Amino acid sequence: MGISGLITAFIGQTLTEGPGTGTGAYTSLVCTGVLMDFTLYFANTGWKLYTGLMVSGLIANLIALYVRSGFKSFLKINIFDFNTWFQTAAFTYPICGLLAGLLCALLVFKLKNPSNNR
């Protein structure tokens, strides 16, 4: 899952104009696949699946936040707005990770139950 996400992001970045995909996005794509596979190995039904996938999304985005803030601060990339960016990102990265995990869990339940596909 992570490899296919990286390939898709790379193709999208090469075919479009603009700033491209950041280090945080690439990190999140790699981590999400690994963490979701790990979650699905241990929890495959009920609230454990919802919780596990939401925590997977949260952890993936927290790792991405760490990597992205490291690139911004230590390599002096866009350092002039680091504090402003981090104040926003410290809330949006975890929230988006939780929402992405919830959306994934909803899709897994919808696609997993054949009776819902009528």
PDB file of N, CA and C in Angstrom:
ATOM      1  N   MET A   1       0.826  -1.190   0.000  1.00  0.00           N
ATOM      2  CA  MET A   1       0.000   0.000   0.000  1.00  0.00           C
ATOM      3  C   MET A   1       0.871   1.256   0.000  1.00  0.00           C
ATOM      4  N   GLY A   2       1.895   1.255   0.824  1.00  0.00           N
ATOM      5  CA  GLY A   2       2.788   2.404   0.887  1.00  0.00           C
ATOM      6  C   GLY A   2       3.547   2.617  -0.412  1.00  0.00           C
ATOM      7  N   ILE A   3       3.994   1.525  -1.028  1.00  0.00           N
ATOM      8  CA  ILE A   3       4.729   1.637  -2.283  1.00  0.00           C
ATOM      9  C   ILE A   3       3.832   2.162  -3.389  1.00  0.00           C
ATOM     10  N   SER A   4       2.598   1.665  -3.451  1.00  0.00           N
ATOM     11  CA  SER A   4       1.681   2.166  -4.486  1.00  0.00           C
ATOM     12  C   SER A   4       1.343   3.639  -4.248  1.00  0.00           C
ATOM     13  N   GLY A   5       1.257   4.057  -2.994  1.00  0.00           N
ATOM     14  CA  GLY A   5       1.036   5.469  -2.692  1.00  0.00           C
ATOM     15  C   GLY A   5       2.203   6.328  -3.129  1.00  0.00           C
ATOM     16  N   LEU A   6       3.419   5.850  -2.889  1.00  0.00           N
ATOM     17  CA  LEU A   6       4.611   6.583  -3.325  1.00  0.00           C
ATOM     18  C   LEU A   6       4.689   6.689  -4.850  1.00  0.00           C
ATOM     19  N   ILE A   7       4.386   5.608  -5.525  1.00  0.00           N
ATOM     20  CA  ILE A   7       4.412   5.626  -6.990  1.00  0.00           C
ATOM     21  C   ILE A   7       3.375   6.604  -7.526  1.00  0.00           C
ATOM     22  N   THR A   8       2.174   6.563  -6.972  1.00  0.00           N
ATOM     23  CA  THR A   8       1.119   7.484  -7.400  1.00  0.00           C
ATOM     24  C   THR A   8       1.512   8.934  -7.146  1.00  0.00           C
ATOM     25  N   ALA A   9       2.074   9.216  -5.977  1.00  0.00           N
ATOM     26  CA  ALA A   9       2.497  10.588  -5.661  1.00  0.00           C
ATOM     27  C   ALA A   9       3.609  11.035  -6.595  1.00  0.00           C
ATOM     28  N   PHE A  10       4.546  10.156  -6.898  1.00  0.00           N
ATOM     29  CA  PHE A  10       5.653  10.500  -7.792  1.00  0.00           C
ATOM     30  C   PHE A  10       5.135  10.794  -9.195  1.00  0.00           C
ATOM     31  N   ILE A  11       4.240   9.955  -9.684  1.00  0.00           N
ATOM     32  CA  ILE A  11       3.664  10.178 -11.020  1.00  0.00           C
ATOM     33  C   ILE A  11       2.882  11.485 -11.036  1.00  0.00           C
ATOM     34  N   GLY A  12       2.083  11.718 -10.001  1.00  0.00           N
ATOM     35  CA  GLY A  12       1.324  12.965  -9.922  1.00  0.00           C
ATOM     36  C   GLY A  12       2.211  14.187  -9.870  1.00  0.00           C
ATOM     37  N   GLN A  13       3.326  14.079  -9.168  1.00  0.00           N
ATOM     38  CA  GLN A  13       4.244  15.208  -9.048  1.00  0.00           C
ATOM     39  C   GLN A  13       4.945  15.484 -10.377  1.00  0.00           C
ATOM     40  N   THR A  14       5.289  14.446 -11.111  1.00  0.00           N
ATOM     41  CA  THR A  14       5.999  14.649 -12.373  1.00  0.00           C
ATOM     42  C   THR A  14       5.077  15.130 -13.486  1.00  0.00           C
ATOM     43  N   LEU A  15       3.791  14.848 -13.390  1.00  0.00           N
ATOM     44  CA  LEU A  15       2.854  15.239 -14.446  1.00  0.00           C
ATOM     45  C   LEU A  15       2.165  16.577 -14.189  1.00  0.00           C
ATOM     46  N   THR A  16       2.377  17.168 -13.032  1.00  0.00           N
ATOM     47  CA  THR A  16       1.713  18.430 -12.717  1.00  0.00           C
ATOM     48  C   THR A  16       2.744  19.514 -12.436  1.00  0.00           C
ATOM     49  N   GLU A  17       2.286  20.740 -12.536  1.00  0.00           N
ATOM     50  CA  GLU A  17       3.133  21.871 -12.192  1.00  0.00           C
ATOM     51  C   GLU A  17       2.834  22.293 -10.772  1.00  0.00           C
ATOM     52  N   GLY A  18       3.735  22.989 -10.171  1.00  0.00           N
ATOM     53  CA  GLY A  18       3.510  23.462  -8.813  1.00  0.00           C
ATOM     54  C   GLY A  18       4.584  22.970  -7.870  1.00  0.00           C
ATOM     55  N   PRO A  19       4.371  23.194  -6.574  1.00  0.00           N
ATOM     56  CA  PRO A  19       5.409  22.861  -5.601  1.00  0.00           C
ATOM     57  C   PRO A  19       5.643  21.374  -5.427  1.00  0.00           C
ATOM     58  N   GLY A  20       4.696  20.539  -5.751  1.00  0.00           N
ATOM     59  CA  GLY A  20       4.889  19.099  -5.627  1.00  0.00           C
ATOM     60  C   GLY A  20       4.545  18.564  -4.253  1.00  0.00           C
ATOM     61  N   THR A  21       4.903  17.311  -4.046  1.00  0.00           N
ATOM     62  CA  THR A  21       4.593  16.616  -2.815  1.00  0.00           C
ATOM     63  C   THR A  21       5.733  16.809  -1.821  1.00  0.00           C
ATOM     64  N   GLY A  22       5.382  17.082  -0.568  1.00  0.00           N
ATOM     65  CA  GLY A  22       6.395  17.340   0.449  1.00  0.00           C
ATOM     66  C   GLY A  22       6.870  16.086   1.150  1.00  0.00           C
ATOM     67  N   THR A  23       7.889  16.261   1.964  1.00  0.00           N
ATOM     68  CA  THR A  23       8.460  15.136   2.697  1.00  0.00           C
ATOM     69  C   THR A  23       7.461  14.539   3.683  1.00  0.00           C
ATOM     70  N   GLY A  24       6.600  15.365   4.242  1.00  0.00           N
ATOM     71  CA  GLY A  24       5.582  14.862   5.163  1.00  0.00           C
ATOM     72  C   GLY A  24       4.596  13.940   4.464  1.00  0.00           C
ATOM     73  N   ALA A  25       4.203  14.311   3.261  1.00  0.00           N
ATOM     74  CA  ALA A  25       3.258  13.479   2.506  1.00  0.00           C
ATOM     75  C   ALA A  25       3.877  12.138   2.144  1.00  0.00           C
ATOM     76  N   TYR A  26       5.120  12.162   1.672  1.00  0.00           N
ATOM     77  CA  TYR A  26       5.790  10.907   1.347  1.00  0.00           C
ATOM     78  C   TYR A  26       5.942  10.020   2.584  1.00  0.00           C
ATOM     79  N   THR A  27       6.307  10.613   3.699  1.00  0.00           N
ATOM     80  CA  THR A  27       6.460   9.859   4.938  1.00  0.00           C
ATOM     81  C   THR A  27       5.144   9.231   5.360  1.00  0.00           C
ATOM     82  N   SER A  28       4.082  10.007   5.308  1.00  0.00           N
ATOM     83  CA  SER A  28       2.769   9.511   5.691  1.00  0.00           C
ATOM     84  C   SER A  28       2.317   8.370   4.785  1.00  0.00           C
ATOM     85  N   LEU A  29       2.591   8.485   3.495  1.00  0.00           N
ATOM     86  CA  LEU A  29       2.204   7.423   2.564  1.00  0.00           C
ATOM     87  C   LEU A  29       2.905   6.107   2.892  1.00  0.00           C
ATOM     88  N   VAL A  30       4.170   6.171   3.217  1.00  0.00           N
ATOM     89  CA  VAL A  30       4.908   4.953   3.552  1.00  0.00           C
ATOM     90  C   VAL A  30       4.412   4.367   4.870  1.00  0.00           C
ATOM     91  N   CYS A  31       4.277   5.211   5.877  1.00  0.00           N
ATOM     92  CA  CYS A  31       3.882   4.737   7.212  1.00  0.00           C
ATOM     93  C   CYS A  31       2.446   4.219   7.251  1.00  0.00           C
ATOM     94  N   THR A  32       1.554   4.833   6.508  1.00  0.00           N
ATOM     95  CA  THR A  32       0.147   4.442   6.549  1.00  0.00           C
ATOM     96  C   THR A  32      -0.038   2.991   6.142  1.00  0.00           C
ATOM     97  N   GLY A  33       0.583   2.584   5.056  1.00  0.00           N
ATOM     98  CA  GLY A  33       0.437   1.202   4.602  1.00  0.00           C
ATOM     99  C   GLY A  33       0.931   0.202   5.625  1.00  0.00           C
ATOM    100  N   VAL A  34       2.092   0.451   6.180  1.00  0.00           N
ATOM    101  CA  VAL A  34       2.681  -0.464   7.164  1.00  0.00           C
ATOM    102  C   VAL A  34       1.806  -0.526   8.421  1.00  0.00           C
ATOM    103  N   LEU A  35       1.398   0.626   8.918  1.00  0.00           N
ATOM    104  CA  LEU A  35       0.599   0.661  10.149  1.00  0.00           C
ATOM    105  C   LEU A  35      -0.783   0.043   9.960  1.00  0.00           C
ATOM    106  N   MET A  36      -1.398   0.269   8.808  1.00  0.00           N
ATOM    107  CA  MET A  36      -2.723  -0.330   8.569  1.00  0.00           C
ATOM    108  C   MET A  36      -2.630  -1.842   8.408  1.00  0.00           C
ATOM    109  N   ASP A  37      -1.592  -2.305   7.743  1.00  0.00           N
ATOM    110  CA  ASP A  37      -1.391  -3.755   7.650  1.00  0.00           C
ATOM    111  C   ASP A  37      -1.209  -4.369   9.036  1.00  0.00           C
ATOM    112  N   PHE A  38      -0.423  -3.708   9.874  1.00  0.00           N
ATOM    113  CA  PHE A  38      -0.211  -4.164  11.239  1.00  0.00           C
ATOM    114  C   PHE A  38      -1.538  -4.200  12.010  1.00  0.00           C
ATOM    115  N   THR A  39      -2.344  -3.158  11.859  1.00  0.00           N
ATOM    116  CA  THR A  39      -3.637  -3.091  12.537  1.00  0.00           C
ATOM    117  C   THR A  39      -4.566  -4.199  12.062  1.00  0.00           C
ATOM    118  N   LEU A  40      -4.645  -4.398  10.762  1.00  0.00           N
ATOM    119  CA  LEU A  40      -5.542  -5.417  10.222  1.00  0.00           C
ATOM    120  C   LEU A  40      -5.108  -6.827  10.608  1.00  0.00           C
ATOM    121  N   TYR A  41      -3.848  -7.011  10.924  1.00  0.00           N
ATOM    122  CA  TYR A  41      -3.365  -8.315  11.372  1.00  0.00           C
ATOM    123  C   TYR A  41      -3.927  -8.663  12.753  1.00  0.00           C
ATOM    124  N   PHE A  42      -4.060  -7.650  13.624  1.00  0.00           N
ATOM    125  CA  PHE A  42      -4.508  -7.890  14.998  1.00  0.00           C
ATOM    126  C   PHE A  42      -5.992  -7.622  15.224  1.00  0.00           C
ATOM    127  N   ALA A  43      -6.574  -6.722  14.476  1.00  0.00           N
ATOM    128  CA  ALA A  43      -7.980  -6.368  14.700  1.00  0.00           C
ATOM    129  C   ALA A  43      -8.690  -6.347  13.358  1.00  0.00           C
ATOM    130  N   ASN A  44      -9.661  -7.230  13.202  1.00  0.00           N
ATOM    131  CA  ASN A  44     -10.342  -7.269  11.912  1.00  0.00           C
ATOM    132  C   ASN A  44     -11.849  -7.052  11.987  1.00  0.00           C
ATOM    133  N   THR A  45     -12.384  -6.823  13.163  1.00  0.00           N
ATOM    134  CA  THR A  45     -13.817  -6.550  13.260  1.00  0.00           C
ATOM    135  C   THR A  45     -14.097  -5.578  14.400  1.00  0.00           C
ATOM    136  N   GLY A  46     -15.270  -4.984  14.315  1.00  0.00           N
ATOM    137  CA  GLY A  46     -15.798  -4.173  15.408  1.00  0.00           C
ATOM    138  C   GLY A  46     -15.023  -2.919  15.744  1.00  0.00           C
ATOM    139  N   TRP A  47     -15.204  -2.511  16.976  1.00  0.00           N
ATOM    140  CA  TRP A  47     -14.616  -1.251  17.428  1.00  0.00           C
ATOM    141  C   TRP A  47     -13.098  -1.307  17.444  1.00  0.00           C
ATOM    142  N   LYS A  48     -12.524  -2.519  17.582  1.00  0.00           N
ATOM    143  CA  LYS A  48     -11.063  -2.638  17.556  1.00  0.00           C
ATOM    144  C   LYS A  48     -10.505  -2.217  16.197  1.00  0.00           C
ATOM    145  N   LEU A  49     -11.231  -2.561  15.133  1.00  0.00           N
ATOM    146  CA  LEU A  49     -10.788  -2.171  13.801  1.00  0.00           C
ATOM    147  C   LEU A  49     -10.879  -0.658  13.623  1.00  0.00           C
ATOM    148  N   TYR A  50     -12.015  -0.080  14.020  1.00  0.00           N
ATOM    149  CA  TYR A  50     -12.161   1.377  13.938  1.00  0.00           C
ATOM    150  C   TYR A  50     -11.055   2.075  14.720  1.00  0.00           C
ATOM    151  N   THR A  51     -10.872   1.662  15.957  1.00  0.00           N
ATOM    152  CA  THR A  51      -9.874   2.291  16.818  1.00  0.00           C
ATOM    153  C   THR A  51      -8.464   2.093  16.258  1.00  0.00           C
ATOM    154  N   GLY A  52      -8.163   0.882  15.840  1.00  0.00           N
ATOM    155  CA  GLY A  52      -6.833   0.589  15.312  1.00  0.00           C
ATOM    156  C   GLY A  52      -6.499   1.390  14.066  1.00  0.00           C
ATOM    157  N   LEU A  53      -7.464   1.497  13.146  1.00  0.00           N
ATOM    158  CA  LEU A  53      -7.201   2.253  11.928  1.00  0.00           C
ATOM    159  C   LEU A  53      -7.110   3.751  12.200  1.00  0.00           C
ATOM    160  N   MET A  54      -7.887   4.243  13.150  1.00  0.00           N
ATOM    161  CA  MET A  54      -7.782   5.654  13.509  1.00  0.00           C
ATOM    162  C   MET A  54      -6.428   5.937  14.164  1.00  0.00           C
ATOM    163  N   VAL A  55      -5.982   5.040  15.034  1.00  0.00           N
ATOM    164  CA  VAL A  55      -4.670   5.211  15.672  1.00  0.00           C
ATOM    165  C   VAL A  55      -3.557   5.086  14.630  1.00  0.00           C
ATOM    166  N   SER A  56      -3.726   4.192  13.653  1.00  0.00           N
ATOM    167  CA  SER A  56      -2.744   4.073  12.573  1.00  0.00           C
ATOM    168  C   SER A  56      -2.608   5.386  11.806  1.00  0.00           C
ATOM    169  N   GLY A  57      -3.736   5.980  11.456  1.00  0.00           N
ATOM    170  CA  GLY A  57      -3.711   7.268  10.758  1.00  0.00           C
ATOM    171  C   GLY A  57      -3.080   8.355  11.605  1.00  0.00           C
ATOM    172  N   LEU A  58      -3.399   8.354  12.893  1.00  0.00           N
ATOM    173  CA  LEU A  58      -2.825   9.334  13.811  1.00  0.00           C
ATOM    174  C   LEU A  58      -1.302   9.181  13.894  1.00  0.00           C
ATOM    175  N   ILE A  59      -0.830   7.970  14.093  1.00  0.00           N
ATOM    176  CA  ILE A  59       0.612   7.733  14.221  1.00  0.00           C
ATOM    177  C   ILE A  59       1.337   8.084  12.917  1.00  0.00           C
ATOM    178  N   ALA A  60       0.756   7.690  11.785  1.00  0.00           N
ATOM    179  CA  ALA A  60       1.383   8.007  10.490  1.00  0.00           C
ATOM    180  C   ALA A  60       1.531   9.513  10.322  1.00  0.00           C
ATOM    181  N   ASN A  61       0.500  10.259  10.688  1.00  0.00           N
ATOM    182  CA  ASN A  61       0.584  11.707  10.528  1.00  0.00           C
ATOM    183  C   ASN A  61       1.485  12.358  11.566  1.00  0.00           C
ATOM    184  N   LEU A  62       1.580  11.793  12.750  1.00  0.00           N
ATOM    185  CA  LEU A  62       2.521  12.336  13.730  1.00  0.00           C
ATOM    186  C   LEU A  62       3.967  12.113  13.287  1.00  0.00           C
ATOM    187  N   ILE A  63       4.237  10.955  12.694  1.00  0.00           N
ATOM    188  CA  ILE A  63       5.574  10.711  12.144  1.00  0.00           C
ATOM    189  C   ILE A  63       5.851  11.682  11.002  1.00  0.00           C
ATOM    190  N   ALA A  64       4.843  11.895  10.145  1.00  0.00           N
ATOM    191  CA  ALA A  64       4.999  12.851   9.043  1.00  0.00           C
ATOM    192  C   ALA A  64       5.232  14.265   9.567  1.00  0.00           C
ATOM    193  N   LEU A  65       4.538  14.641  10.632  1.00  0.00           N
ATOM    194  CA  LEU A  65       4.733  15.958  11.245  1.00  0.00           C
ATOM    195  C   LEU A  65       6.164  16.086  11.765  1.00  0.00           C
ATOM    196  N   TYR A  66       6.653  15.057  12.396  1.00  0.00           N
ATOM    197  CA  TYR A  66       8.017  15.060  12.924  1.00  0.00           C
ATOM    198  C   TYR A  66       9.037  15.215  11.795  1.00  0.00           C
ATOM    199  N   VAL A  67       8.874  14.440  10.735  1.00  0.00           N
ATOM    200  CA  VAL A  67       9.798  14.505   9.605  1.00  0.00           C
ATOM    201  C   VAL A  67       9.723  15.864   8.923  1.00  0.00           C
ATOM    202  N   ARG A  68       8.516  16.336   8.676  1.00  0.00           N
ATOM    203  CA  ARG A  68       8.350  17.623   7.985  1.00  0.00           C
ATOM    204  C   ARG A  68       8.905  18.778   8.822  1.00  0.00           C
ATOM    205  N   SER A  69       8.639  18.766  10.112  1.00  0.00           N
ATOM    206  CA  SER A  69       9.164  19.847  10.955  1.00  0.00           C
ATOM    207  C   SER A  69      10.686  19.765  11.049  1.00  0.00           C
ATOM    208  N   GLY A  70      11.231  18.562  11.005  1.00  0.00           N
ATOM    209  CA  GLY A  70      12.679  18.412  10.993  1.00  0.00           C
ATOM    210  C   GLY A  70      13.298  19.013   9.748  1.00  0.00           C
ATOM    211  N   PHE A  71      12.685  18.733   8.604  1.00  0.00           N
ATOM    212  CA  PHE A  71      13.188  19.317   7.369  1.00  0.00           C
ATOM    213  C   PHE A  71      13.075  20.833   7.386  1.00  0.00           C
ATOM    214  N   LYS A  72      11.952  21.333   7.888  1.00  0.00           N
ATOM    215  CA  LYS A  72      11.753  22.788   7.915  1.00  0.00           C
ATOM    216  C   LYS A  72      12.709  23.480   8.872  1.00  0.00           C
ATOM    217  N   SER A  73      12.910  22.917  10.049  1.00  0.00           N
ATOM    218  CA  SER A  73      13.715  23.622  11.052  1.00  0.00           C
ATOM    219  C   SER A  73      15.214  23.363  10.926  1.00  0.00           C
ATOM    220  N   PHE A  74      15.618  22.113  10.787  1.00  0.00           N
ATOM    221  CA  PHE A  74      17.037  21.792  10.776  1.00  0.00           C
ATOM    222  C   PHE A  74      17.719  22.121   9.451  1.00  0.00           C
ATOM    223  N   LEU A  75      16.991  22.005   8.355  1.00  0.00           N
ATOM    224  CA  LEU A  75      17.579  22.317   7.058  1.00  0.00           C
ATOM    225  C   LEU A  75      17.264  23.744   6.618  1.00  0.00           C
ATOM    226  N   LYS A  76      16.612  24.479   7.496  1.00  0.00           N
ATOM    227  CA  LYS A  76      16.287  25.887   7.244  1.00  0.00           C
ATOM    228  C   LYS A  76      15.427  26.075   5.991  1.00  0.00           C
ATOM    229  N   ILE A  77      14.517  25.138   5.735  1.00  0.00           N
ATOM    230  CA  ILE A  77      13.591  25.258   4.620  1.00  0.00           C
ATOM    231  C   ILE A  77      12.377  26.048   5.101  1.00  0.00           C
ATOM    232  N   ASN A  78      12.137  27.163   4.505  1.00  0.00           N
ATOM    233  CA  ASN A  78      11.014  28.039   4.871  1.00  0.00           C
ATOM    234  C   ASN A  78      11.017  28.347   6.363  1.00  0.00           C
ATOM    235  N   ILE A  79      12.156  28.597   6.937  1.00  0.00           N
ATOM    236  CA  ILE A  79      12.280  28.796   8.372  1.00  0.00           C
ATOM    237  C   ILE A  79      11.554  30.058   8.836  1.00  0.00           C
ATOM    238  N   PHE A  80      11.376  31.016   7.938  1.00  0.00           N
ATOM    239  CA  PHE A  80      10.744  32.265   8.350  1.00  0.00           C
ATOM    240  C   PHE A  80       9.319  32.071   8.845  1.00  0.00           C
ATOM    241  N   ASP A  81       8.649  31.022   8.417  1.00  0.00           N
ATOM    242  CA  ASP A  81       7.270  30.813   8.869  1.00  0.00           C
ATOM    243  C   ASP A  81       7.109  29.523   9.677  1.00  0.00           C
ATOM    244  N   PHE A  82       8.196  28.981  10.223  1.00  0.00           N
ATOM    245  CA  PHE A  82       8.129  27.701  10.927  1.00  0.00           C
ATOM    246  C   PHE A  82       7.171  27.747  12.116  1.00  0.00           C
ATOM    247  N   ASN A  83       7.262  28.778  12.954  1.00  0.00           N
ATOM    248  CA  ASN A  83       6.402  28.845  14.142  1.00  0.00           C
ATOM    249  C   ASN A  83       4.933  28.929  13.765  1.00  0.00           C
ATOM    250  N   THR A  84       4.614  29.734  12.778  1.00  0.00           N
ATOM    251  CA  THR A  84       3.229  29.838  12.323  1.00  0.00           C
ATOM    252  C   THR A  84       2.759  28.510  11.748  1.00  0.00           C
ATOM    253  N   TRP A  85       3.598  27.899  10.909  1.00  0.00           N
ATOM    254  CA  TRP A  85       3.247  26.606  10.321  1.00  0.00           C
ATOM    255  C   TRP A  85       3.042  25.552  11.399  1.00  0.00           C
ATOM    256  N   PHE A  86       3.955  25.476  12.366  1.00  0.00           N
ATOM    257  CA  PHE A  86       3.885  24.430  13.374  1.00  0.00           C
ATOM    258  C   PHE A  86       2.670  24.586  14.285  1.00  0.00           C
ATOM    259  N   GLN A  87       2.292  25.825  14.598  1.00  0.00           N
ATOM    260  CA  GLN A  87       1.104  26.037  15.429  1.00  0.00           C
ATOM    261  C   GLN A  87      -0.138  25.468  14.763  1.00  0.00           C
ATOM    262  N   THR A  88      -0.228  25.596  13.469  1.00  0.00           N
ATOM    263  CA  THR A  88      -1.364  25.036  12.728  1.00  0.00           C
ATOM    264  C   THR A  88      -1.195  23.533  12.525  1.00  0.00           C
ATOM    265  N   ALA A  89      -0.015  23.120  12.090  1.00  0.00           N
ATOM    266  CA  ALA A  89       0.230  21.718  11.765  1.00  0.00           C
ATOM    267  C   ALA A  89       0.114  20.805  12.977  1.00  0.00           C
ATOM    268  N   ALA A  90       0.447  21.307  14.162  1.00  0.00           N
ATOM    269  CA  ALA A  90       0.362  20.492  15.374  1.00  0.00           C
ATOM    270  C   ALA A  90      -1.065  20.039  15.654  1.00  0.00           C
ATOM    271  N   PHE A  91      -2.034  20.757  15.130  1.00  0.00           N
ATOM    272  CA  PHE A  91      -3.440  20.355  15.288  1.00  0.00           C
ATOM    273  C   PHE A  91      -3.976  19.660  14.041  1.00  0.00           C
ATOM    274  N   THR A  92      -3.620  20.165  12.865  1.00  0.00           N
ATOM    275  CA  THR A  92      -4.218  19.613  11.648  1.00  0.00           C
ATOM    276  C   THR A  92      -3.679  18.240  11.283  1.00  0.00           C
ATOM    277  N   TYR A  93      -2.402  17.986  11.499  1.00  0.00           N
ATOM    278  CA  TYR A  93      -1.844  16.666  11.167  1.00  0.00           C
ATOM    279  C   TYR A  93      -2.540  15.553  11.975  1.00  0.00           C
ATOM    280  N   PRO A  94      -2.644  15.662  13.311  1.00  0.00           N
ATOM    281  CA  PRO A  94      -3.331  14.592  14.060  1.00  0.00           C
ATOM    282  C   PRO A  94      -4.812  14.467  13.708  1.00  0.00           C
ATOM    283  N   ILE A  95      -5.489  15.583  13.537  1.00  0.00           N
ATOM    284  CA  ILE A  95      -6.923  15.532  13.218  1.00  0.00           C
ATOM    285  C   ILE A  95      -7.142  14.850  11.872  1.00  0.00           C
ATOM    286  N   CYS A  96      -6.353  15.231  10.876  1.00  0.00           N
ATOM    287  CA  CYS A  96      -6.488  14.613   9.555  1.00  0.00           C
ATOM    288  C   CYS A  96      -6.116  13.130   9.597  1.00  0.00           C
ATOM    289  N   GLY A  97      -5.137  12.763  10.412  1.00  0.00           N
ATOM    290  CA  GLY A  97      -4.780  11.354  10.553  1.00  0.00           C
ATOM    291  C   GLY A  97      -5.913  10.533  11.151  1.00  0.00           C
ATOM    292  N   LEU A  98      -6.545  11.070  12.184  1.00  0.00           N
ATOM    293  CA  LEU A  98      -7.692  10.381  12.791  1.00  0.00           C
ATOM    294  C   LEU A  98      -8.847  10.255  11.799  1.00  0.00           C
ATOM    295  N   LEU A  99      -9.128  11.325  11.084  1.00  0.00           N
ATOM    296  CA  LEU A  99     -10.220  11.289  10.104  1.00  0.00           C
ATOM    297  C   LEU A  99      -9.921  10.323   8.961  1.00  0.00           C
ATOM    298  N   ALA A 100      -8.674  10.288   8.510  1.00  0.00           N
ATOM    299  CA  ALA A 100      -8.303   9.351   7.451  1.00  0.00           C
ATOM    300  C   ALA A 100      -8.447   7.905   7.927  1.00  0.00           C
ATOM    301  N   GLY A 101      -8.058   7.633   9.162  1.00  0.00           N
ATOM    302  CA  GLY A 101      -8.230   6.292   9.717  1.00  0.00           C
ATOM    303  C   GLY A 101      -9.692   5.905   9.852  1.00  0.00           C
ATOM    304  N   LEU A 102     -10.521   6.847  10.264  1.00  0.00           N
ATOM    305  CA  LEU A 102     -11.964   6.586  10.371  1.00  0.00           C
ATOM    306  C   LEU A 102     -12.563   6.312   9.002  1.00  0.00           C
ATOM    307  N   LEU A 103     -12.184   7.115   8.021  1.00  0.00           N
ATOM    308  CA  LEU A 103     -12.681   6.906   6.660  1.00  0.00           C
ATOM    309  C   LEU A 103     -12.245   5.536   6.137  1.00  0.00           C
ATOM    310  N   CYS A 104     -11.025   5.155   6.406  1.00  0.00           N
ATOM    311  CA  CYS A 104     -10.535   3.843   6.000  1.00  0.00           C
ATOM    312  C   CYS A 104     -11.349   2.728   6.656  1.00  0.00           C
ATOM    313  N   ALA A 105     -11.615   2.866   7.946  1.00  0.00           N
ATOM    314  CA  ALA A 105     -12.400   1.851   8.652  1.00  0.00           C
ATOM    315  C   ALA A 105     -13.813   1.750   8.071  1.00  0.00           C
ATOM    316  N   LEU A 106     -14.413   2.881   7.770  1.00  0.00           N
ATOM    317  CA  LEU A 106     -15.749   2.869   7.170  1.00  0.00           C
ATOM    318  C   LEU A 106     -15.733   2.166   5.814  1.00  0.00           C
ATOM    319  N   LEU A 107     -14.705   2.432   5.025  1.00  0.00           N
ATOM    320  CA  LEU A 107     -14.587   1.772   3.727  1.00  0.00           C
ATOM    321  C   LEU A 107     -14.338   0.280   3.885  1.00  0.00           C
ATOM    322  N   VAL A 108     -13.519  -0.114   4.844  1.00  0.00           N
ATOM    323  CA  VAL A 108     -13.252  -1.540   5.068  1.00  0.00           C
ATOM    324  C   VAL A 108     -14.542  -2.251   5.435  1.00  0.00           C
ATOM    325  N   PHE A 109     -15.344  -1.662   6.327  1.00  0.00           N
ATOM    326  CA  PHE A 109     -16.607  -2.289   6.717  1.00  0.00           C
ATOM    327  C   PHE A 109     -17.572  -2.339   5.552  1.00  0.00           C
ATOM    328  N   LYS A 110     -17.633  -1.296   4.765  1.00  0.00           N
ATOM    329  CA  LYS A 110     -18.562  -1.255   3.634  1.00  0.00           C
ATOM    330  C   LYS A 110     -18.171  -2.282   2.579  1.00  0.00           C
ATOM    331  N   LEU A 111     -16.899  -2.390   2.284  1.00  0.00           N
ATOM    332  CA  LEU A 111     -16.435  -3.302   1.252  1.00  0.00           C
ATOM    333  C   LEU A 111     -16.350  -4.745   1.733  1.00  0.00           C
ATOM    334  N   LYS A 112     -16.188  -4.942   3.027  1.00  0.00           N
ATOM    335  CA  LYS A 112     -16.005  -6.283   3.587  1.00  0.00           C
ATOM    336  C   LYS A 112     -17.317  -7.054   3.646  1.00  0.00           C
ATOM    337  N   ASN A 113     -18.429  -6.378   3.895  1.00  0.00           N
ATOM    338  CA  ASN A 113     -19.716  -7.031   4.064  1.00  0.00           C
ATOM    339  C   ASN A 113     -20.426  -7.137   2.725  1.00  0.00           C
ATOM    340  N   PRO A 114     -20.513  -8.342   2.127  1.00  0.00           N
ATOM    341  CA  PRO A 114     -21.134  -8.487   0.805  1.00  0.00           C
ATOM    342  C   PRO A 114     -22.616  -8.124   0.787  1.00  0.00           C
ATOM    343  N   SER A 115     -23.307  -8.191   1.920  1.00  0.00           N
ATOM    344  CA  SER A 115     -24.730  -7.874   1.932  1.00  0.00           C
ATOM    345  C   SER A 115     -24.988  -6.379   1.709  1.00  0.00           C
ATOM    346  N   ASN A 116     -23.978  -5.538   1.926  1.00  0.00           N
ATOM    347  CA  ASN A 116     -24.130  -4.101   1.699  1.00  0.00           C
ATOM    348  C   ASN A 116     -23.952  -3.714   0.240  1.00  0.00           C
ATOM    349  N   ASN A 117     -23.556  -4.644  -0.625  1.00  0.00           N
ATOM    350  CA  ASN A 117     -23.271  -4.327  -2.026  1.00  0.00           C
ATOM    351  C   ASN A 117     -24.460  -4.578  -2.941  1.00  0.00           C
ATOM    352  N   ARG A 118     -25.648  -4.661  -2.415  1.00  0.00           N
ATOM    353  CA  ARG A 118     -26.821  -4.921  -3.260  1.00  0.00           C
ATOM    354  C   ARG A 118     -27.205  -3.721  -4.051  1.00  0.00           C
TER     355      ARG A 118
END
